[in-house]
Amino acid sequence: MAASAMEPREVKLYGAWGSAHAAMPRNGLALKGGRTSTEALLRLNPVHGGKVPVLVVDGRPLAESLVIIEYADEAGPAEGRGHPPALLPRASRARAAARFWARFFHDEVSPLSRAVVLADAAAERAELAREVKARVAAMEAGIAADFPRGGEEEGPFVHGRNPGLLDIILGSCAAGSRVLAAVSGVEIVEPGATPRVRASMAAFDELAAGFGTTVPHELLLARLLERKAKARAAAREELAAR
């Protein structure tokens, strides 16, 4: 972020390894030129039961990935003079649409993705994954309608050549989408069915590799399966102890 008299003295992002919601603000901050350290801490987010991510700016916490990304955008340097473009469109209608689809992903797609991984039966995982795919398809249609291609705005990202809020969200979930395909046998994001989402996700995933924030989906899958096995074992022990 730009150096000024008002620049925060200390910025820390508390997250969790492999969490897409922690990766979103980390990528957003990296895109805007912010520098943070990352840890995990429960007491900073009592409202949401200690969930991450939490951004601490000069000792004051901000919770939730979308809130943090917008803070980074607004608190960062103004667009121009070598600074990165704003993460939201200039036009009020387009800004509102971007926020709508960001919240749609956060509320409707992400929770269902977690359910796919946690489901025990293969048939249930496949059914849930198909529903995730349908919701991503709805997002694809919305992006196409709200942000039409053409003119100077051509490019792989939702708004053209420069990544924005929706690209951060989609790209931060690239590894997660591959994990869902691996555990369910359902390809969530396909070039033919969801070309705009696919292009955005791939382009930002490549960009995030330069930030050092990407997670190989094989490692993420292994970690998730390990956690799932431990949860099952703990449940069996608890049942046996009754």
C-alpha atoms as a PDB file:
ATOM      1  CA  MET A   1       0.000   0.000   0.000  1.00  0.00           C
ATOM      2  CA  ALA A   2       1.139   3.536  -0.630  1.00  0.00           C
ATOM      3  CA  ALA A   3       3.437   5.110   1.918  1.00  0.00           C
ATOM      4  CA  SER A   4       1.748   8.078   3.601  1.00  0.00           C
ATOM      5  CA  ALA A   5       1.164   9.639   6.988  1.00  0.00           C
ATOM      6  CA  MET A   6      -1.995   7.539   7.290  1.00  0.00           C
ATOM      7  CA  GLU A   7      -0.422   4.232   6.276  1.00  0.00           C
ATOM      8  CA  PRO A   8      -1.022   1.459   8.842  1.00  0.00           C
ATOM      9  CA  ARG A   9       2.065   0.668  10.891  1.00  0.00           C
ATOM     10  CA  GLU A  10       1.290  -3.028  11.281  1.00  0.00           C
ATOM     11  CA  VAL A  11      -0.849  -5.263   9.062  1.00  0.00           C
ATOM     12  CA  LYS A  12      -1.254  -8.976   9.811  1.00  0.00           C
ATOM     13  CA  LEU A  13      -3.493 -11.483   8.072  1.00  0.00           C
ATOM     14  CA  TYR A  14      -4.503 -14.491  10.140  1.00  0.00           C
ATOM     15  CA  GLY A  15      -5.485 -17.454   8.035  1.00  0.00           C
ATOM     16  CA  ALA A  16      -5.312 -21.208   7.672  1.00  0.00           C
ATOM     17  CA  TRP A  17      -3.323 -23.332   5.230  1.00  0.00           C
ATOM     18  CA  GLY A  18      -5.405 -24.534   2.307  1.00  0.00           C
ATOM     19  CA  SER A  19      -8.403 -22.307   3.094  1.00  0.00           C
ATOM     20  CA  ALA A  20      -9.767 -20.642  -0.041  1.00  0.00           C
ATOM     21  CA  HIS A  21     -11.398 -17.964   2.095  1.00  0.00           C
ATOM     22  CA  ALA A  22      -8.021 -17.182   3.657  1.00  0.00           C
ATOM     23  CA  ALA A  23      -6.384 -17.201   0.210  1.00  0.00           C
ATOM     24  CA  MET A  24      -8.863 -14.633  -1.146  1.00  0.00           C
ATOM     25  CA  PRO A  25      -7.751 -11.703   1.038  1.00  0.00           C
ATOM     26  CA  ARG A  26      -4.129 -12.843   0.842  1.00  0.00           C
ATOM     27  CA  ASN A  27      -4.322 -12.653  -2.952  1.00  0.00           C
ATOM     28  CA  GLY A  28      -6.220  -9.382  -2.816  1.00  0.00           C
ATOM     29  CA  LEU A  29      -3.588  -7.813  -0.588  1.00  0.00           C
ATOM     30  CA  ALA A  30      -0.807  -9.132  -2.818  1.00  0.00           C
ATOM     31  CA  LEU A  31      -2.534  -7.700  -5.875  1.00  0.00           C
ATOM     32  CA  LYS A  32      -2.839  -4.298  -4.231  1.00  0.00           C
ATOM     33  CA  GLY A  33       0.762  -4.314  -3.073  1.00  0.00           C
ATOM     34  CA  GLY A  34       0.084  -4.880   0.610  1.00  0.00           C
ATOM     35  CA  ARG A  35       2.582  -6.723   2.821  1.00  0.00           C
ATOM     36  CA  THR A  36       1.339  -8.906   5.663  1.00  0.00           C
ATOM     37  CA  SER A  37       2.402 -11.733   7.912  1.00  0.00           C
ATOM     38  CA  THR A  38       0.028 -14.693   8.218  1.00  0.00           C
ATOM     39  CA  GLU A  39      -0.869 -16.692  11.323  1.00  0.00           C
ATOM     40  CA  ALA A  40      -3.915 -18.264  12.995  1.00  0.00           C
ATOM     41  CA  LEU A  41      -5.543 -16.812  16.133  1.00  0.00           C
ATOM     42  CA  LEU A  42      -8.941 -17.512  17.699  1.00  0.00           C
ATOM     43  CA  ARG A  43      -9.560 -14.492  19.927  1.00  0.00           C
ATOM     44  CA  LEU A  44      -9.508 -11.939  17.087  1.00  0.00           C
ATOM     45  CA  ASN A  45     -12.841 -13.044  15.617  1.00  0.00           C
ATOM     46  CA  PRO A  46     -15.193 -13.899  18.502  1.00  0.00           C
ATOM     47  CA  VAL A  47     -18.291 -12.854  16.511  1.00  0.00           C
ATOM     48  CA  HIS A  48     -17.811 -15.750  14.055  1.00  0.00           C
ATOM     49  CA  GLY A  49     -16.433 -18.256  16.551  1.00  0.00           C
ATOM     50  CA  GLY A  50     -12.782 -17.621  15.784  1.00  0.00           C
ATOM     51  CA  LYS A  51     -13.033 -18.312  12.061  1.00  0.00           C
ATOM     52  CA  VAL A  52     -10.327 -17.093   9.716  1.00  0.00           C
ATOM     53  CA  PRO A  53      -9.439 -15.000   7.847  1.00  0.00           C
ATOM     54  CA  VAL A  54      -8.962 -11.963  10.071  1.00  0.00           C
ATOM     55  CA  LEU A  55      -6.940  -8.914   9.065  1.00  0.00           C
ATOM     56  CA  VAL A  56      -5.435  -6.949  11.950  1.00  0.00           C
ATOM     57  CA  VAL A  57      -4.554  -3.352  11.109  1.00  0.00           C
ATOM     58  CA  ASP A  58      -2.711  -1.536  13.893  1.00  0.00           C
ATOM     59  CA  GLY A  59      -4.249  -3.888  16.443  1.00  0.00           C
ATOM     60  CA  ARG A  60      -7.839  -3.587  15.171  1.00  0.00           C
ATOM     61  CA  PRO A  61      -9.344  -6.716  13.543  1.00  0.00           C
ATOM     62  CA  LEU A  62     -11.430  -6.961  10.383  1.00  0.00           C
ATOM     63  CA  ALA A  63     -13.179 -10.285   9.717  1.00  0.00           C
ATOM     64  CA  GLU A  64     -14.492 -12.039   6.588  1.00  0.00           C
ATOM     65  CA  SER A  65     -12.726 -12.417   3.274  1.00  0.00           C
ATOM     66  CA  LEU A  66     -14.966 -10.092   1.235  1.00  0.00           C
ATOM     67  CA  VAL A  67     -14.718  -7.313   3.818  1.00  0.00           C
ATOM     68  CA  ILE A  68     -10.936  -7.611   3.901  1.00  0.00           C
ATOM     69  CA  ILE A  69     -10.605  -7.536   0.112  1.00  0.00           C
ATOM     70  CA  GLU A  70     -12.715  -4.390  -0.166  1.00  0.00           C
ATOM     71  CA  TYR A  71     -10.732  -2.778   2.658  1.00  0.00           C
ATOM     72  CA  ALA A  72      -7.490  -3.518   0.795  1.00  0.00           C
ATOM     73  CA  ASP A  73      -8.966  -1.994  -2.343  1.00  0.00           C
ATOM     74  CA  GLU A  74     -10.193   1.180  -0.650  1.00  0.00           C
ATOM     75  CA  ALA A  75      -7.211   1.670   1.656  1.00  0.00           C
ATOM     76  CA  GLY A  76      -4.650   1.041  -1.082  1.00  0.00           C
ATOM     77  CA  PRO A  77      -3.181   3.643  -3.432  1.00  0.00           C
ATOM     78  CA  ALA A  78      -5.410   5.346  -5.956  1.00  0.00           C
ATOM     79  CA  GLU A  79      -5.505   3.821  -9.422  1.00  0.00           C
ATOM     80  CA  GLY A  80      -2.927   5.218 -11.848  1.00  0.00           C
ATOM     81  CA  ARG A  81       0.704   6.345 -11.641  1.00  0.00           C
ATOM     82  CA  GLY A  82       1.887   2.739 -11.698  1.00  0.00           C
ATOM     83  CA  HIS A  83      -0.578   1.585  -9.024  1.00  0.00           C
ATOM     84  CA  PRO A  84      -2.868  -1.412  -9.678  1.00  0.00           C
ATOM     85  CA  PRO A  85      -6.436  -0.776 -10.913  1.00  0.00           C
ATOM     86  CA  ALA A  86      -9.366  -0.801  -8.508  1.00  0.00           C
ATOM     87  CA  LEU A  87     -10.830  -4.239  -7.801  1.00  0.00           C
ATOM     88  CA  LEU A  88     -14.400  -3.073  -8.428  1.00  0.00           C
ATOM     89  CA  PRO A  89     -15.755  -1.412 -11.580  1.00  0.00           C
ATOM     90  CA  ARG A  90     -16.238   2.373 -11.645  1.00  0.00           C
ATOM     91  CA  ALA A  91     -19.920   2.253 -12.664  1.00  0.00           C
ATOM     92  CA  SER A  92     -22.350   1.932  -9.736  1.00  0.00           C
ATOM     93  CA  ARG A  93     -24.467  -0.761 -11.439  1.00  0.00           C
ATOM     94  CA  ALA A  94     -21.416  -2.853 -12.287  1.00  0.00           C
ATOM     95  CA  ARG A  95     -20.010  -2.470  -8.763  1.00  0.00           C
ATOM     96  CA  ALA A  96     -23.292  -3.653  -7.284  1.00  0.00           C
ATOM     97  CA  ALA A  97     -23.373  -6.634  -9.656  1.00  0.00           C
ATOM     98  CA  ALA A  98     -19.804  -7.602  -8.748  1.00  0.00           C
ATOM     99  CA  ARG A  99     -20.683  -7.472  -5.059  1.00  0.00           C
ATOM    100  CA  PHE A 100     -23.815  -9.540  -5.684  1.00  0.00           C
ATOM    101  CA  TRP A 101     -21.933 -12.340  -7.435  1.00  0.00           C
ATOM    102  CA  ALA A 102     -19.160 -12.238  -4.832  1.00  0.00           C
ATOM    103  CA  ARG A 103     -21.759 -12.741  -2.105  1.00  0.00           C
ATOM    104  CA  PHE A 104     -23.499 -15.421  -4.189  1.00  0.00           C
ATOM    105  CA  PHE A 105     -20.275 -17.414  -4.360  1.00  0.00           C
ATOM    106  CA  HIS A 106     -19.596 -16.876  -0.664  1.00  0.00           C
ATOM    107  CA  ASP A 107     -23.109 -17.895   0.464  1.00  0.00           C
ATOM    108  CA  GLU A 108     -24.313 -20.370  -2.166  1.00  0.00           C
ATOM    109  CA  VAL A 109     -21.283 -22.050  -3.752  1.00  0.00           C
ATOM    110  CA  SER A 110     -18.607 -22.242  -1.071  1.00  0.00           C
ATOM    111  CA  PRO A 111     -20.642 -23.952   1.709  1.00  0.00           C
ATOM    112  CA  LEU A 112     -21.888 -26.596  -0.713  1.00  0.00           C
ATOM    113  CA  SER A 113     -18.321 -27.257  -1.867  1.00  0.00           C
ATOM    114  CA  ARG A 114     -17.373 -28.135   1.689  1.00  0.00           C
ATOM    115  CA  ALA A 115     -20.330 -30.503   1.887  1.00  0.00           C
ATOM    116  CA  VAL A 116     -19.031 -32.377  -1.177  1.00  0.00           C
ATOM    117  CA  VAL A 117     -15.736 -33.120   0.547  1.00  0.00           C
ATOM    118  CA  LEU A 118     -17.355 -34.139   3.835  1.00  0.00           C
ATOM    119  CA  ALA A 119     -19.976 -36.466   2.308  1.00  0.00           C
ATOM    120  CA  ASP A 120     -19.263 -40.155   2.944  1.00  0.00           C
ATOM    121  CA  ALA A 121     -21.147 -41.828   0.103  1.00  0.00           C
ATOM    122  CA  ALA A 122     -19.876 -41.510  -3.471  1.00  0.00           C
ATOM    123  CA  ALA A 123     -23.405 -40.990  -4.796  1.00  0.00           C
ATOM    124  CA  GLU A 124     -23.987 -38.154  -2.334  1.00  0.00           C
ATOM    125  CA  ARG A 125     -20.679 -36.497  -3.262  1.00  0.00           C
ATOM    126  CA  ALA A 126     -21.567 -36.674  -6.955  1.00  0.00           C
ATOM    127  CA  GLU A 127     -25.061 -35.261  -6.375  1.00  0.00           C
ATOM    128  CA  LEU A 128     -23.744 -32.376  -4.299  1.00  0.00           C
ATOM    129  CA  ALA A 129     -21.007 -31.689  -6.849  1.00  0.00           C
ATOM    130  CA  ARG A 130     -23.596 -31.479  -9.623  1.00  0.00           C
ATOM    131  CA  GLU A 131     -25.456 -28.879  -7.565  1.00  0.00           C
ATOM    132  CA  VAL A 132     -22.212 -26.918  -7.108  1.00  0.00           C
ATOM    133  CA  LYS A 133     -21.734 -27.092 -10.874  1.00  0.00           C
ATOM    134  CA  ALA A 134     -25.282 -25.798 -11.432  1.00  0.00           C
ATOM    135  CA  ARG A 135     -24.653 -22.849  -9.126  1.00  0.00           C
ATOM    136  CA  VAL A 136     -21.376 -22.056 -10.876  1.00  0.00           C
ATOM    137  CA  ALA A 137     -23.324 -22.172 -14.164  1.00  0.00           C
ATOM    138  CA  ALA A 138     -25.767 -19.642 -12.716  1.00  0.00           C
ATOM    139  CA  MET A 139     -22.831 -17.429 -11.836  1.00  0.00           C
ATOM    140  CA  GLU A 140     -21.470 -17.844 -15.381  1.00  0.00           C
ATOM    141  CA  ALA A 141     -24.781 -16.664 -16.839  1.00  0.00           C
ATOM    142  CA  GLY A 142     -24.863 -13.725 -14.455  1.00  0.00           C
ATOM    143  CA  ILE A 143     -21.316 -12.663 -15.304  1.00  0.00           C
ATOM    144  CA  ALA A 144     -22.062 -12.870 -19.025  1.00  0.00           C
ATOM    145  CA  ALA A 145     -25.187 -10.725 -18.588  1.00  0.00           C
ATOM    146  CA  ASP A 146     -23.758  -8.162 -16.172  1.00  0.00           C
ATOM    147  CA  PHE A 147     -20.270  -7.829 -17.692  1.00  0.00           C
ATOM    148  CA  PRO A 148     -20.569  -8.375 -21.467  1.00  0.00           C
ATOM    149  CA  ARG A 149     -17.428  -8.767 -23.538  1.00  0.00           C
ATOM    150  CA  GLY A 150     -16.342  -6.344 -26.225  1.00  0.00           C
ATOM    151  CA  GLY A 151     -14.247  -3.334 -27.142  1.00  0.00           C
ATOM    152  CA  GLU A 152     -11.290  -2.424 -24.962  1.00  0.00           C
ATOM    153  CA  GLU A 153     -12.411  -4.725 -22.178  1.00  0.00           C
ATOM    154  CA  GLU A 154     -11.283  -7.964 -23.830  1.00  0.00           C
ATOM    155  CA  GLY A 155      -9.128 -10.160 -21.617  1.00  0.00           C
ATOM    156  CA  PRO A 156      -9.224 -13.328 -19.510  1.00  0.00           C
ATOM    157  CA  PHE A 157     -10.583 -11.675 -16.380  1.00  0.00           C
ATOM    158  CA  VAL A 158     -14.215 -10.868 -15.599  1.00  0.00           C
ATOM    159  CA  HIS A 159     -13.745  -7.179 -16.403  1.00  0.00           C
ATOM    160  CA  GLY A 160     -11.190  -7.666 -19.173  1.00  0.00           C
ATOM    161  CA  ARG A 161      -7.429  -7.267 -18.926  1.00  0.00           C
ATOM    162  CA  ASN A 162      -7.177  -6.477 -15.203  1.00  0.00           C
ATOM    163  CA  PRO A 163      -8.170  -8.786 -12.327  1.00  0.00           C
ATOM    164  CA  GLY A 164     -10.854  -7.666  -9.908  1.00  0.00           C
ATOM    165  CA  LEU A 165     -12.880  -8.855  -6.953  1.00  0.00           C
ATOM    166  CA  LEU A 166     -14.572 -11.764  -8.739  1.00  0.00           C
ATOM    167  CA  ASP A 167     -11.288 -12.968 -10.249  1.00  0.00           C
ATOM    168  CA  ILE A 168      -9.694 -13.047  -6.800  1.00  0.00           C
ATOM    169  CA  ILE A 169     -12.571 -15.145  -5.499  1.00  0.00           C
ATOM    170  CA  LEU A 170     -12.647 -17.566  -8.434  1.00  0.00           C
ATOM    171  CA  GLY A 171      -8.873 -17.869  -8.802  1.00  0.00           C
ATOM    172  CA  SER A 172      -8.385 -18.500  -5.089  1.00  0.00           C
ATOM    173  CA  CYS A 173     -10.678 -21.524  -5.470  1.00  0.00           C
ATOM    174  CA  ALA A 174      -8.852 -23.079  -8.437  1.00  0.00           C
ATOM    175  CA  ALA A 175      -7.208 -25.799  -6.344  1.00  0.00           C
ATOM    176  CA  GLY A 176     -10.476 -26.415  -4.518  1.00  0.00           C
ATOM    177  CA  SER A 177     -12.364 -26.967  -7.776  1.00  0.00           C
ATOM    178  CA  ARG A 178      -9.831 -29.623  -8.778  1.00  0.00           C
ATOM    179  CA  VAL A 179     -10.236 -31.279  -5.382  1.00  0.00           C
ATOM    180  CA  LEU A 180     -14.020 -31.398  -5.855  1.00  0.00           C
ATOM    181  CA  ALA A 181     -13.566 -33.044  -9.253  1.00  0.00           C
ATOM    182  CA  ALA A 182     -11.178 -35.595  -7.738  1.00  0.00           C
ATOM    183  CA  VAL A 183     -13.507 -36.638  -4.902  1.00  0.00           C
ATOM    184  CA  SER A 184     -16.782 -36.562  -6.863  1.00  0.00           C
ATOM    185  CA  GLY A 185     -15.885 -37.429 -10.449  1.00  0.00           C
ATOM    186  CA  VAL A 186     -17.755 -34.299 -11.567  1.00  0.00           C
ATOM    187  CA  GLU A 187     -15.868 -31.564 -13.428  1.00  0.00           C
ATOM    188  CA  ILE A 188     -17.148 -28.395 -11.772  1.00  0.00           C
ATOM    189  CA  VAL A 189     -15.721 -25.820 -14.187  1.00  0.00           C
ATOM    190  CA  GLU A 190     -15.722 -26.795 -17.875  1.00  0.00           C
ATOM    191  CA  PRO A 191     -14.525 -24.625 -20.791  1.00  0.00           C
ATOM    192  CA  GLY A 192     -17.657 -25.235 -22.842  1.00  0.00           C
ATOM    193  CA  ALA A 193     -20.222 -24.795 -20.078  1.00  0.00           C
ATOM    194  CA  THR A 194     -18.608 -22.016 -18.039  1.00  0.00           C
ATOM    195  CA  PRO A 195     -16.013 -20.268 -20.260  1.00  0.00           C
ATOM    196  CA  ARG A 196     -15.951 -16.951 -18.394  1.00  0.00           C
ATOM    197  CA  VAL A 197     -15.544 -18.580 -14.984  1.00  0.00           C
ATOM    198  CA  ARG A 198     -12.946 -20.991 -16.375  1.00  0.00           C
ATOM    199  CA  ALA A 199     -10.904 -18.216 -18.011  1.00  0.00           C
ATOM    200  CA  SER A 200     -10.987 -16.037 -14.897  1.00  0.00           C
ATOM    201  CA  MET A 201     -10.043 -18.896 -12.590  1.00  0.00           C
ATOM    202  CA  ALA A 202      -7.145 -20.059 -14.764  1.00  0.00           C
ATOM    203  CA  ALA A 203      -5.760 -16.555 -15.347  1.00  0.00           C
ATOM    204  CA  PHE A 204      -5.847 -15.578 -11.690  1.00  0.00           C
ATOM    205  CA  ASP A 205      -4.476 -18.938 -10.554  1.00  0.00           C
ATOM    206  CA  GLU A 206      -1.469 -18.294 -12.775  1.00  0.00           C
ATOM    207  CA  LEU A 207      -1.134 -14.800 -11.339  1.00  0.00           C
ATOM    208  CA  ALA A 208      -1.368 -16.100  -7.771  1.00  0.00           C
ATOM    209  CA  ALA A 209       1.486 -18.520  -8.471  1.00  0.00           C
ATOM    210  CA  GLY A 210       3.678 -15.439  -8.763  1.00  0.00           C
ATOM    211  CA  PHE A 211       2.458 -14.269  -5.343  1.00  0.00           C
ATOM    212  CA  GLY A 212       3.429 -17.620  -3.815  1.00  0.00           C
ATOM    213  CA  THR A 213      -0.116 -18.150  -2.520  1.00  0.00           C
ATOM    214  CA  THR A 214      -1.199 -21.166  -4.560  1.00  0.00           C
ATOM    215  CA  VAL A 215      -1.653 -24.601  -3.022  1.00  0.00           C
ATOM    216  CA  PRO A 216      -1.150 -27.793  -5.105  1.00  0.00           C
ATOM    217  CA  HIS A 217      -4.515 -29.506  -5.218  1.00  0.00           C
ATOM    218  CA  GLU A 218      -2.902 -32.893  -4.520  1.00  0.00           C
ATOM    219  CA  LEU A 219      -1.590 -31.614  -1.171  1.00  0.00           C
ATOM    220  CA  LEU A 220      -4.894 -29.939  -0.399  1.00  0.00           C
ATOM    221  CA  LEU A 221      -6.794 -33.148  -1.165  1.00  0.00           C
ATOM    222  CA  ALA A 222      -4.456 -35.201   1.023  1.00  0.00           C
ATOM    223  CA  ARG A 223      -4.849 -32.748   3.918  1.00  0.00           C
ATOM    224  CA  LEU A 224      -8.635 -32.696   3.635  1.00  0.00           C
ATOM    225  CA  LEU A 225      -8.857 -36.490   3.527  1.00  0.00           C
ATOM    226  CA  GLU A 226      -6.575 -36.696   6.557  1.00  0.00           C
ATOM    227  CA  ARG A 227      -8.801 -34.295   8.493  1.00  0.00           C
ATOM    228  CA  LYS A 228     -11.874 -36.229   7.444  1.00  0.00           C
ATOM    229  CA  ALA A 229     -10.339 -39.519   8.635  1.00  0.00           C
ATOM    230  CA  LYS A 230      -9.409 -37.973  11.981  1.00  0.00           C
ATOM    231  CA  ALA A 231     -12.921 -36.599  12.426  1.00  0.00           C
ATOM    232  CA  ARG A 232     -14.388 -40.042  11.699  1.00  0.00           C
ATOM    233  CA  ALA A 233     -12.000 -41.692  14.183  1.00  0.00           C
ATOM    234  CA  ALA A 234     -12.869 -39.144  16.879  1.00  0.00           C
ATOM    235  CA  ALA A 235     -16.577 -39.722  16.284  1.00  0.00           C
ATOM    236  CA  ARG A 236     -16.130 -43.492  16.604  1.00  0.00           C
ATOM    237  CA  GLU A 237     -14.167 -43.073  19.846  1.00  0.00           C
ATOM    238  CA  GLU A 238     -16.817 -40.792  21.262  1.00  0.00           C
ATOM    239  CA  LEU A 239     -19.541 -43.273  20.334  1.00  0.00           C
ATOM    240  CA  ALA A 240     -17.613 -46.166  21.875  1.00  0.00           C
ATOM    241  CA  ALA A 241     -17.098 -44.210  25.102  1.00  0.00           C
ATOM    242  CA  ARG A 242     -20.845 -43.744  25.665  1.00  0.00           C
END
